Amino acid sequence: MRVIAGEHGGRRLQAVPGKNTRPTTDKNKESLFNIIGPYFAGGIALDLFAGSGALGIEALSRGCDQAYFMDRNRSAIQTIKQNIESLRLSDQAQVYPGEGFKNLTRIRSAQPDLQFDLVFLDPPYHEQKLLANLETLLADHWLADQAVVVCEMEEHDQMPDQVGALTCIKNVVYGLTRFVIYEKEA
């Protein structure tokens, strides 16, 4: 597993030990970033079910200013921290162990105006509540205008074309993985 492009392109990333996580393949990650924009002019990313942190790290490498990483798996949190430290991204990364939406509630009290420009939702397939996740992000005002939200799921799963102020801009399948990409109306 590696960073595909940008400032840290080609650098290797550690995977979470064991079989409790399912990392996005390099090929799928490259295809995804070709869709959502190969490079970013700043912005804040949220990798909500981060695993190794590969998607948020890719966003930082390609120009996001800051990324928030959340995962409830302790091994995943250790792996994220190792990957961030090895790339010297500690100043741009915030890592929170535990359930993502509980972390967001705590963050809201300290940073009431924080909104995300890019969000990755890749929960464990057997625990996916993507529609509820999107609705919570909208209801709690976590998404900036024109924010992009990437939902990763099994290829046979489906998502609606519209979720509140979010409109599906791309729905693609790569191998066994489906990406449904939404953009928030301005």
C-alpha atoms as a PDB file:
ATOM      1  CA  MET A   1       0.000   0.000   0.000  1.00  0.00           C
ATOM      2  CA  ARG A   2       1.369   3.410  -0.927  1.00  0.00           C
ATOM      3  CA  VAL A   3       0.603   7.074  -1.448  1.00  0.00           C
ATOM      4  CA  ILE A   4      -0.288   7.374  -5.137  1.00  0.00           C
ATOM      5  CA  ALA A   5       0.483  11.009  -6.022  1.00  0.00           C
ATOM      6  CA  GLY A   6       1.319  14.454  -4.740  1.00  0.00           C
ATOM      7  CA  GLU A   7       4.010  15.515  -2.310  1.00  0.00           C
ATOM      8  CA  HIS A   8       4.380  12.021  -0.844  1.00  0.00           C
ATOM      9  CA  GLY A   9       3.639  10.028  -4.003  1.00  0.00           C
ATOM     10  CA  GLY A  10       5.309   6.621  -4.054  1.00  0.00           C
ATOM     11  CA  ARG A  11       5.868   6.458  -0.294  1.00  0.00           C
ATOM     12  CA  ARG A  12       4.826   3.232   1.396  1.00  0.00           C
ATOM     13  CA  LEU A  13       2.113   3.072   4.029  1.00  0.00           C
ATOM     14  CA  GLN A  14       1.720   0.496   6.772  1.00  0.00           C
ATOM     15  CA  ALA A  15      -1.440  -1.611   6.719  1.00  0.00           C
ATOM     16  CA  VAL A  16      -3.434  -2.361   9.851  1.00  0.00           C
ATOM     17  CA  PRO A  17      -2.335  -5.784  11.147  1.00  0.00           C
ATOM     18  CA  GLY A  18      -4.882  -8.586  11.054  1.00  0.00           C
ATOM     19  CA  LYS A  19      -8.007  -9.018   8.982  1.00  0.00           C
ATOM     20  CA  ASN A  20     -10.384  -6.619  10.737  1.00  0.00           C
ATOM     21  CA  THR A  21      -9.883  -3.847   8.187  1.00  0.00           C
ATOM     22  CA  ARG A  22     -10.274  -3.775   4.427  1.00  0.00           C
ATOM     23  CA  PRO A  23      -7.899  -1.231   2.889  1.00  0.00           C
ATOM     24  CA  THR A  24      -8.848   0.487  -0.347  1.00  0.00           C
ATOM     25  CA  THR A  25      -6.551  -0.944  -3.015  1.00  0.00           C
ATOM     26  CA  ASP A  26      -3.996   1.349  -4.630  1.00  0.00           C
ATOM     27  CA  LYS A  27      -5.699   0.877  -8.001  1.00  0.00           C
ATOM     28  CA  ASN A  28      -9.110   1.857  -6.587  1.00  0.00           C
ATOM     29  CA  LYS A  29      -7.593   4.770  -4.680  1.00  0.00           C
ATOM     30  CA  GLU A  30      -5.961   6.080  -7.856  1.00  0.00           C
ATOM     31  CA  SER A  31      -9.235   5.748  -9.798  1.00  0.00           C
ATOM     32  CA  LEU A  32     -11.152   7.475  -7.002  1.00  0.00           C
ATOM     33  CA  PHE A  33      -8.803  10.448  -6.864  1.00  0.00           C
ATOM     34  CA  ASN A  34      -8.895  10.765 -10.648  1.00  0.00           C
ATOM     35  CA  ILE A  35     -12.651  11.314 -10.241  1.00  0.00           C
ATOM     36  CA  ILE A  36     -12.764  13.661  -7.258  1.00  0.00           C
ATOM     37  CA  GLY A  37      -9.830  15.745  -8.369  1.00  0.00           C
ATOM     38  CA  PRO A  38      -6.246  14.783  -8.711  1.00  0.00           C
ATOM     39  CA  TYR A  39      -5.103  17.750  -6.579  1.00  0.00           C
ATOM     40  CA  PHE A  40      -6.684  20.069  -4.019  1.00  0.00           C
ATOM     41  CA  ALA A  41      -6.129  23.749  -3.305  1.00  0.00           C
ATOM     42  CA  GLY A  42      -6.402  23.435   0.451  1.00  0.00           C
ATOM     43  CA  GLY A  43      -9.436  22.349   2.411  1.00  0.00           C
ATOM     44  CA  ILE A  44     -10.105  20.040   5.322  1.00  0.00           C
ATOM     45  CA  ALA A  45     -10.633  16.294   4.928  1.00  0.00           C
ATOM     46  CA  LEU A  46     -12.353  13.810   7.236  1.00  0.00           C
ATOM     47  CA  ASP A  47     -11.468  10.114   7.073  1.00  0.00           C
ATOM     48  CA  LEU A  48     -14.244   8.860   9.353  1.00  0.00           C
ATOM     49  CA  PHE A  49     -13.604   5.099   9.343  1.00  0.00           C
ATOM     50  CA  ALA A  50      -9.927   5.584   8.626  1.00  0.00           C
ATOM     51  CA  GLY A  51      -8.344   2.132   8.913  1.00  0.00           C
ATOM     52  CA  SER A  52      -4.727   2.809   7.903  1.00  0.00           C
ATOM     53  CA  GLY A  53      -5.526   6.438   7.092  1.00  0.00           C
ATOM     54  CA  ALA A  54      -4.599   5.932   3.446  1.00  0.00           C
ATOM     55  CA  LEU A  55      -7.455   8.023   1.986  1.00  0.00           C
ATOM     56  CA  GLY A  56      -6.925  11.001   4.285  1.00  0.00           C
ATOM     57  CA  ILE A  57      -3.161  10.806   3.791  1.00  0.00           C
ATOM     58  CA  GLU A  58      -3.669  10.741   0.020  1.00  0.00           C
ATOM     59  CA  ALA A  59      -5.800  13.900   0.350  1.00  0.00           C
ATOM     60  CA  LEU A  60      -3.027  15.612   2.344  1.00  0.00           C
ATOM     61  CA  SER A  61      -0.402  14.536  -0.181  1.00  0.00           C
ATOM     62  CA  ARG A  62      -2.526  16.042  -2.956  1.00  0.00           C
ATOM     63  CA  GLY A  63      -2.987  19.430  -1.312  1.00  0.00           C
ATOM     64  CA  CYS A  64      -5.560  19.354   1.490  1.00  0.00           C
ATOM     65  CA  ASP A  65      -4.448  21.583   4.367  1.00  0.00           C
ATOM     66  CA  GLN A  66      -5.620  19.372   7.182  1.00  0.00           C
ATOM     67  CA  ALA A  67      -7.162  15.949   7.784  1.00  0.00           C
ATOM     68  CA  TYR A  68      -9.045  14.398  10.669  1.00  0.00           C
ATOM     69  CA  PHE A  69      -8.745  10.625  11.132  1.00  0.00           C
ATOM     70  CA  MET A  70     -11.131   8.552  13.245  1.00  0.00           C
ATOM     71  CA  ASP A  71     -11.355   4.856  13.920  1.00  0.00           C
ATOM     72  CA  ARG A  72     -12.472   2.761  16.879  1.00  0.00           C
ATOM     73  CA  ASN A  73      -9.927  -0.011  16.218  1.00  0.00           C
ATOM     74  CA  ARG A  74      -6.829   0.521  18.396  1.00  0.00           C
ATOM     75  CA  SER A  75      -4.528  -1.159  15.884  1.00  0.00           C
ATOM     76  CA  ALA A  76      -5.868   1.149  13.193  1.00  0.00           C
ATOM     77  CA  ILE A  77      -5.173   4.226  15.333  1.00  0.00           C
ATOM     78  CA  GLN A  78      -1.589   3.049  15.936  1.00  0.00           C
ATOM     79  CA  THR A  79      -1.138   2.429  12.208  1.00  0.00           C
ATOM     80  CA  ILE A  80      -2.538   5.856  11.288  1.00  0.00           C
ATOM     81  CA  LYS A  81      -0.145   7.529  13.733  1.00  0.00           C
ATOM     82  CA  GLN A  82       2.814   5.548  12.346  1.00  0.00           C
ATOM     83  CA  ASN A  83       1.904   6.477   8.765  1.00  0.00           C
ATOM     84  CA  ILE A  84       1.454  10.148   9.642  1.00  0.00           C
ATOM     85  CA  GLU A  85       4.740  10.279  11.540  1.00  0.00           C
ATOM     86  CA  SER A  86       6.674   8.488   8.786  1.00  0.00           C
ATOM     87  CA  LEU A  87       5.493  11.117   6.279  1.00  0.00           C
ATOM     88  CA  ARG A  88       5.999  14.002   8.728  1.00  0.00           C
ATOM     89  CA  LEU A  89       2.342  15.051   8.498  1.00  0.00           C
ATOM     90  CA  SER A  90       1.723  15.445  12.237  1.00  0.00           C
ATOM     91  CA  ASP A  91       1.122  19.211  11.930  1.00  0.00           C
ATOM     92  CA  GLN A  92      -1.667  18.598   9.401  1.00  0.00           C
ATOM     93  CA  ALA A  93      -3.324  15.577  10.991  1.00  0.00           C
ATOM     94  CA  GLN A  94      -5.671  15.107  13.932  1.00  0.00           C
ATOM     95  CA  VAL A  95      -6.177  11.494  15.046  1.00  0.00           C
ATOM     96  CA  TYR A  96      -9.110  10.483  17.261  1.00  0.00           C
ATOM     97  CA  PRO A  97      -9.612   6.973  18.637  1.00  0.00           C
ATOM     98  CA  GLY A  98     -13.160   5.790  19.171  1.00  0.00           C
ATOM     99  CA  GLU A  99     -16.504   6.065  17.423  1.00  0.00           C
ATOM    100  CA  GLY A 100     -16.430   8.759  14.751  1.00  0.00           C
ATOM    101  CA  PHE A 101     -19.653  10.615  15.433  1.00  0.00           C
ATOM    102  CA  LYS A 102     -18.958  10.735  19.185  1.00  0.00           C
ATOM    103  CA  ASN A 103     -15.587  12.273  18.351  1.00  0.00           C
ATOM    104  CA  LEU A 104     -17.260  14.817  16.092  1.00  0.00           C
ATOM    105  CA  THR A 105     -19.587  15.829  18.930  1.00  0.00           C
ATOM    106  CA  ARG A 106     -16.562  16.475  21.167  1.00  0.00           C
ATOM    107  CA  ILE A 107     -14.781  18.389  18.415  1.00  0.00           C
ATOM    108  CA  ARG A 108     -17.844  20.568  17.824  1.00  0.00           C
ATOM    109  CA  SER A 109     -17.624  22.000  21.351  1.00  0.00           C
ATOM    110  CA  ALA A 110     -14.015  23.109  20.754  1.00  0.00           C
ATOM    111  CA  GLN A 111     -14.402  24.088  17.079  1.00  0.00           C
ATOM    112  CA  PRO A 112     -18.031  25.145  16.545  1.00  0.00           C
ATOM    113  CA  ASP A 113     -17.479  26.414  12.998  1.00  0.00           C
ATOM    114  CA  LEU A 114     -15.464  23.461  11.670  1.00  0.00           C
ATOM    115  CA  GLN A 115     -16.724  22.082   8.359  1.00  0.00           C
ATOM    116  CA  PHE A 116     -15.198  19.538   6.019  1.00  0.00           C
ATOM    117  CA  ASP A 117     -14.538  19.948   2.301  1.00  0.00           C
ATOM    118  CA  LEU A 118     -13.821  16.273   1.632  1.00  0.00           C
ATOM    119  CA  VAL A 119     -15.215  13.298   3.567  1.00  0.00           C
ATOM    120  CA  PHE A 120     -14.423   9.603   3.200  1.00  0.00           C
ATOM    121  CA  LEU A 121     -17.006   7.133   4.520  1.00  0.00           C
ATOM    122  CA  ASP A 122     -15.668   3.597   4.318  1.00  0.00           C
ATOM    123  CA  PRO A 123     -17.097   1.729   7.319  1.00  0.00           C
ATOM    124  CA  PRO A 124     -16.784  -2.038   7.684  1.00  0.00           C
ATOM    125  CA  TYR A 125     -19.125  -3.545   5.102  1.00  0.00           C
ATOM    126  CA  HIS A 126     -21.064  -5.552   7.690  1.00  0.00           C
ATOM    127  CA  GLU A 127     -21.703  -2.399   9.769  1.00  0.00           C
ATOM    128  CA  GLN A 128     -22.537   0.111   7.060  1.00  0.00           C
ATOM    129  CA  LYS A 129     -25.099   2.775   7.822  1.00  0.00           C
ATOM    130  CA  LEU A 130     -24.032   5.123   5.051  1.00  0.00           C
ATOM    131  CA  LEU A 131     -27.393   6.807   4.556  1.00  0.00           C
ATOM    132  CA  ALA A 132     -27.644   7.544   8.289  1.00  0.00           C
ATOM    133  CA  ASN A 133     -24.020   8.763   8.251  1.00  0.00           C
ATOM    134  CA  LEU A 134     -24.787  11.200   5.422  1.00  0.00           C
ATOM    135  CA  GLU A 135     -27.922  12.447   7.150  1.00  0.00           C
ATOM    136  CA  THR A 136     -25.979  13.071  10.376  1.00  0.00           C
ATOM    137  CA  LEU A 137     -23.210  14.952   8.564  1.00  0.00           C
ATOM    138  CA  LEU A 138     -25.862  17.180   6.978  1.00  0.00           C
ATOM    139  CA  ALA A 139     -28.028  17.663  10.080  1.00  0.00           C
ATOM    140  CA  ASP A 140     -25.032  18.575  12.234  1.00  0.00           C
ATOM    141  CA  HIS A 141     -23.645  20.994   9.604  1.00  0.00           C
ATOM    142  CA  TRP A 142     -20.323  19.221   9.147  1.00  0.00           C
ATOM    143  CA  LEU A 143     -20.193  19.759   5.379  1.00  0.00           C
ATOM    144  CA  ALA A 144     -18.965  22.941   3.723  1.00  0.00           C
ATOM    145  CA  ASP A 145     -20.748  24.191   0.621  1.00  0.00           C
ATOM    146  CA  GLN A 146     -19.656  22.077  -2.361  1.00  0.00           C
ATOM    147  CA  ALA A 147     -18.108  19.483  -0.041  1.00  0.00           C
ATOM    148  CA  VAL A 148     -17.418  16.130  -1.669  1.00  0.00           C
ATOM    149  CA  VAL A 149     -18.397  12.972   0.218  1.00  0.00           C
ATOM    150  CA  VAL A 150     -17.094   9.581  -0.919  1.00  0.00           C
ATOM    151  CA  CYS A 151     -19.015   6.473   0.161  1.00  0.00           C
ATOM    152  CA  GLU A 152     -17.258   3.139  -0.347  1.00  0.00           C
ATOM    153  CA  MET A 153     -19.275  -0.087  -0.291  1.00  0.00           C
ATOM    154  CA  GLU A 154     -19.626  -3.522  -1.846  1.00  0.00           C
ATOM    155  CA  GLU A 155     -20.345  -3.511  -5.574  1.00  0.00           C
ATOM    156  CA  HIS A 156     -23.937  -4.766  -5.204  1.00  0.00           C
ATOM    157  CA  ASP A 157     -24.946  -2.101  -2.642  1.00  0.00           C
ATOM    158  CA  GLN A 158     -26.879   0.968  -3.777  1.00  0.00           C
ATOM    159  CA  MET A 159     -27.345   4.522  -2.530  1.00  0.00           C
ATOM    160  CA  PRO A 160     -29.950   7.150  -3.495  1.00  0.00           C
ATOM    161  CA  ASP A 161     -29.116   9.852  -6.037  1.00  0.00           C
ATOM    162  CA  GLN A 162     -30.163  12.587  -3.605  1.00  0.00           C
ATOM    163  CA  VAL A 163     -29.726  12.798   0.169  1.00  0.00           C
ATOM    164  CA  GLY A 164     -30.918  16.179   1.405  1.00  0.00           C
ATOM    165  CA  ALA A 165     -28.514  18.783   0.007  1.00  0.00           C
ATOM    166  CA  LEU A 166     -26.198  16.060  -1.330  1.00  0.00           C
ATOM    167  CA  THR A 167     -26.391  15.102  -4.999  1.00  0.00           C
ATOM    168  CA  CYS A 168     -24.719  12.007  -6.418  1.00  0.00           C
ATOM    169  CA  ILE A 169     -22.169  13.153  -8.988  1.00  0.00           C
ATOM    170  CA  LYS A 170     -20.626   9.748  -9.686  1.00  0.00           C
ATOM    171  CA  ASN A 171     -21.500   6.116  -9.026  1.00  0.00           C
ATOM    172  CA  VAL A 172     -18.820   3.695 -10.200  1.00  0.00           C
ATOM    173  CA  VAL A 173     -17.777   0.103  -9.606  1.00  0.00           C
ATOM    174  CA  TYR A 174     -14.150  -1.048  -9.606  1.00  0.00           C
ATOM    175  CA  GLY A 175     -13.880  -4.786  -9.126  1.00  0.00           C
ATOM    176  CA  LEU A 176     -15.749  -5.661  -5.930  1.00  0.00           C
ATOM    177  CA  THR A 177     -15.996  -2.048  -4.731  1.00  0.00           C
ATOM    178  CA  ARG A 178     -18.568   0.648  -5.452  1.00  0.00           C
ATOM    179  CA  PHE A 179     -17.861   4.347  -4.912  1.00  0.00           C
ATOM    180  CA  VAL A 180     -20.824   6.696  -4.652  1.00  0.00           C
ATOM    181  CA  ILE A 181     -19.644  10.297  -4.665  1.00  0.00           C
ATOM    182  CA  TYR A 182     -21.832  13.162  -3.516  1.00  0.00           C
ATOM    183  CA  GLU A 183     -21.445  16.914  -3.680  1.00  0.00           C
ATOM    184  CA  LYS A 184     -23.183  19.302  -1.303  1.00  0.00           C
ATOM    185  CA  GLU A 185     -25.168  22.114  -2.871  1.00  0.00           C
ATOM    186  CA  ALA A 186     -23.808  25.600  -2.254  1.00  0.00           C
END
